[in-house]
Protein backbone atom coordinates (compact mmCIF):
# COMPACT_ATOMS: atom_id res chain seq x y z
CA MET A 1 4.70 -25.70 -30.34
CA LYS A 2 8.27 -25.48 -29.31
CA SER A 3 8.65 -21.98 -31.00
CA ILE A 4 5.72 -21.19 -29.08
CA MET A 5 6.84 -22.15 -25.74
CA ALA A 6 10.24 -20.78 -26.22
CA GLY A 7 8.77 -17.75 -27.25
CA LEU A 8 6.44 -17.52 -23.77
CA LEU A 9 9.38 -18.70 -21.95
CA ALA A 10 11.95 -15.54 -23.70
CA LEU A 11 8.91 -13.27 -22.59
CA ALA A 12 8.42 -14.94 -19.01
CA VAL A 13 12.23 -14.28 -18.58
CA SER A 14 12.50 -10.98 -20.32
CA VAL A 15 9.71 -9.30 -18.19
CA PRO A 16 11.36 -8.18 -15.22
CA ALA A 17 14.44 -7.16 -16.87
CA ALA A 18 11.60 -4.90 -19.05
CA PHE A 19 11.03 -3.22 -15.53
CA ALA A 20 14.28 -3.04 -14.55
CA GLY A 21 15.40 -1.12 -17.64
CA GLU A 22 12.29 1.14 -17.83
CA ILE A 23 12.98 1.92 -13.50
CA SER A 24 16.57 2.86 -14.10
CA ASP A 25 15.79 4.95 -17.56
CA ARG A 26 13.59 6.96 -16.08
CA ALA A 27 15.45 7.58 -12.74
CA ALA A 28 17.93 8.63 -15.31
CA GLU A 29 15.82 10.71 -16.73
CA ALA A 30 14.83 12.46 -13.75
CA GLU A 31 18.33 13.09 -12.78
CA LYS A 32 18.95 14.75 -15.98
CA LEU A 33 15.78 16.98 -15.83
CA LEU A 34 17.11 17.98 -12.36
CA GLN A 35 20.61 18.71 -13.61
CA SER A 36 18.99 21.17 -16.07
CA GLY A 37 17.26 22.96 -13.43
CA ASP A 38 13.49 21.46 -13.70
CA GLY A 39 13.04 20.05 -10.56
CA ALA A 40 9.38 19.79 -11.11
CA GLY A 41 9.74 18.03 -14.05
CA ALA A 42 12.45 15.46 -12.06
CA LEU A 43 10.03 14.63 -9.63
CA GLU A 44 7.47 13.76 -11.98
CA LYS A 45 9.68 11.71 -13.81
CA PHE A 46 11.37 9.82 -10.79
CA SER A 47 7.65 9.50 -9.30
CA SER A 48 7.12 7.52 -12.72
CA ALA A 49 10.27 5.37 -12.00
CA GLN A 50 9.05 4.64 -8.20
CA GLU A 51 5.27 3.49 -9.96
CA ALA A 52 7.34 1.38 -12.19
CA LEU A 53 9.27 -0.10 -9.45
CA TRP A 54 6.06 -0.67 -6.94
CA GLN A 55 4.34 -2.33 -9.97
CA ALA A 56 7.17 -4.76 -10.76
CA MET A 57 8.05 -5.64 -6.61
CA PRO A 58 6.32 -8.39 -4.56
CA LEU A 59 3.72 -7.48 -1.91
CA GLY A 60 6.21 -7.10 1.32
CA VAL A 61 5.57 -5.92 4.39
CA LEU A 62 7.97 -4.01 6.73
CA ASN A 63 8.27 -2.33 9.95
CA VAL A 64 6.44 -5.31 11.79
CA LYS A 65 6.22 -3.60 15.63
CA GLN A 66 4.16 -4.49 18.39
CA VAL A 67 2.92 -1.32 19.94
CA ASP A 68 0.98 0.53 22.39
CA THR A 69 -0.60 2.90 20.10
CA ALA A 70 -0.56 3.76 16.51
CA SER A 71 -2.08 6.49 15.05
CA GLY A 72 -0.59 7.26 11.63
CA PHE A 73 2.29 6.12 9.03
CA GLY A 74 5.71 6.26 11.28
CA ILE A 75 3.24 7.17 14.07
CA TYR A 76 3.20 4.78 16.90
CA SER A 77 4.58 3.87 20.48
CA GLU A 78 6.51 0.67 20.40
CA ARG A 79 5.97 -2.00 22.99
CA ALA A 80 8.34 -2.31 25.90
CA ASN A 81 8.29 -6.03 25.79
CA HIS A 82 6.58 -8.83 23.73
CA ILE A 83 4.74 -10.30 27.06
CA TYR A 84 1.01 -10.23 27.29
CA LYS A 85 -1.53 -10.85 30.49
CA PRO A 86 -3.78 -13.16 29.56
CA GLY A 87 -6.78 -11.97 27.23
CA GLU A 88 -4.58 -8.51 26.64
CA LYS A 89 -4.94 -7.13 23.08
CA ILE A 90 -2.13 -7.34 21.02
CA VAL A 91 -1.66 -4.36 18.84
CA LEU A 92 0.59 -4.90 15.59
CA TYR A 93 1.84 -2.00 13.60
CA MET A 94 3.09 -2.51 9.86
CA GLU A 95 4.38 -0.78 6.88
CA PRO A 96 2.84 -2.77 3.09
CA VAL A 97 4.64 -2.09 0.02
CA GLY A 98 4.21 -3.18 -3.32
CA TYR A 99 0.42 -3.88 -2.89
CA GLY A 100 -1.69 -2.99 -6.30
CA TYR A 101 -4.64 -0.21 -6.67
CA GLY A 102 -8.06 -1.47 -7.80
CA LYS A 103 -10.82 1.03 -8.61
CA ASP A 104 -14.00 1.91 -6.13
CA GLY A 105 -16.09 3.07 -9.56
CA LEU A 106 -16.16 6.68 -8.46
CA GLY A 107 -12.75 7.84 -9.86
CA ASN A 108 -10.19 6.60 -6.95
CA SER A 109 -7.50 4.25 -6.56
CA MET A 110 -8.64 1.39 -3.82
CA ILE A 111 -6.07 -0.32 -1.34
CA ALA A 112 -7.30 -3.61 -0.18
CA LEU A 113 -5.08 -5.82 2.17
CA SER A 114 -6.52 -8.72 4.63
CA VAL A 115 -4.33 -10.65 6.95
CA ASP A 116 -4.33 -14.26 7.81
CA ILE A 117 -2.61 -15.84 11.26
CA THR A 118 -1.37 -19.14 12.47
CA VAL A 119 -0.69 -19.47 15.72
CA VAL A 120 2.25 -21.75 16.84
CA SER A 121 3.48 -23.27 19.96
CA ALA A 122 6.86 -23.65 21.45
CA ALA A 123 6.99 -26.92 20.45
CA GLY A 124 5.87 -26.26 16.88
CA GLU A 125 2.73 -27.25 16.74
CA THR A 126 0.26 -25.48 15.06
CA LEU A 127 -2.75 -24.56 17.25
CA GLY A 128 -5.12 -22.50 15.09
CA THR A 129 -5.87 -20.45 12.04
CA MET A 130 -8.05 -17.52 11.44
CA GLU A 131 -8.55 -15.97 8.09
CA LYS A 132 -8.87 -12.22 7.94
CA VAL A 133 -8.35 -11.18 10.97
CA GLY A 134 -7.60 -7.65 9.85
CA ARG A 135 -8.46 -5.72 6.75
CA VAL A 136 -7.97 -2.46 5.71
CA GLN A 137 -9.57 -0.68 2.72
CA ILE A 138 -8.88 3.14 1.49
CA ALA A 139 -10.18 4.81 -1.65
CA SER A 140 -8.01 7.64 -2.98
CA ARG A 141 -7.41 9.98 -5.67
CA SER A 142 -3.67 9.24 -5.63
CA HIS A 143 -1.43 6.02 -5.35
CA ASN A 144 -0.81 6.14 -1.74
CA ARG A 145 2.40 4.45 -0.98
CA GLU A 146 2.91 5.50 2.96
CA LEU A 147 0.10 3.17 4.41
CA PHE A 148 0.29 1.45 7.30
CA PHE A 149 -1.62 -1.17 9.06
CA LYS A 150 -3.06 -1.68 12.57
CA LEU A 151 -3.78 -5.13 13.52
CA ASP A 152 -5.68 -5.59 16.91
CA LEU A 153 -5.43 -9.24 17.97
CA SER A 154 -7.52 -10.92 20.78
CA LEU A 155 -5.81 -14.32 21.20
CA ASP A 156 -8.03 -15.29 24.15
CA GLY A 157 -7.50 -18.50 25.37
CA LEU A 158 -4.14 -19.28 24.92
CA PRO A 159 -2.33 -20.52 28.17
CA ALA A 160 0.82 -19.10 29.61
CA GLY A 161 3.56 -19.87 27.50
CA LYS A 162 5.77 -18.60 24.55
CA TYR A 163 4.21 -18.41 20.75
CA ARG A 164 4.64 -17.73 17.13
CA CYS A 165 2.17 -16.10 15.31
CA ASP A 166 2.51 -16.24 11.55
CA PHE A 167 0.92 -13.90 9.15
CA VAL A 168 0.15 -14.12 5.86
CA MET A 169 -0.75 -10.29 4.18
CA HIS A 170 -3.03 -10.77 0.74
CA ASP A 171 -3.42 -7.82 -1.48
CA GLU A 172 -7.07 -8.34 -2.54
CA ASN A 173 -6.14 -6.17 -5.97
CA SER A 174 -3.88 -9.11 -7.21
CA SER A 175 -2.56 -12.77 -6.58
CA LYS A 176 0.17 -11.32 -4.49
CA THR A 177 0.90 -12.43 -0.92
CA ALA A 178 3.78 -11.66 1.75
CA PRO A 179 4.44 -13.87 4.98
CA PHE A 180 5.71 -11.89 7.85
CA SER A 181 5.92 -13.67 11.83
CA THR A 182 6.14 -12.13 15.56
CA ASP A 183 7.05 -13.88 18.57
CA ILE A 184 4.40 -13.20 21.78
CA GLU A 185 4.10 -14.79 25.58
CA ILE A 186 1.28 -14.54 27.71
CA ALA A 187 2.41 -14.32 31.34
CA GLY A 188 1.47 -17.45 33.87
């Protein structure tokens, strides 16, 4: 029994190292191909290194912005401040990374993410939690990595004051989750 446990522990410890070796090996092969003049081959090999990195990394949420508009990846108009009138819609732009890919049964890869929110007062009191306030589901023939998630929030009923919004993004194709936060203020 001890040898089985030791073997499992060794396997658990070696998995991240195996991914790291695989990633760097593929990137080194890409560099060699590029130096030999095979740009297309280098790009394909580098893409395979990026795929291995993507699979090994945790889910993350980058570039969280409060915006006026968002229409595509990197295409948004950042809001001048985080102060809202009572009942005004709050729009967030974010770029998730490290999510998994499922299948849709039609030959497409499927990206599926959802977001929960917890609103916290300036005094640190949890005022409420809502699950799946936003969800994105995209079918693609490719493993898209330039994905933006636009979240429209309505926090009607909050009195004037400052708040922290704590979010948890869920990858519906894996058990990966990613927390992130942003501050808002409701004007009096």
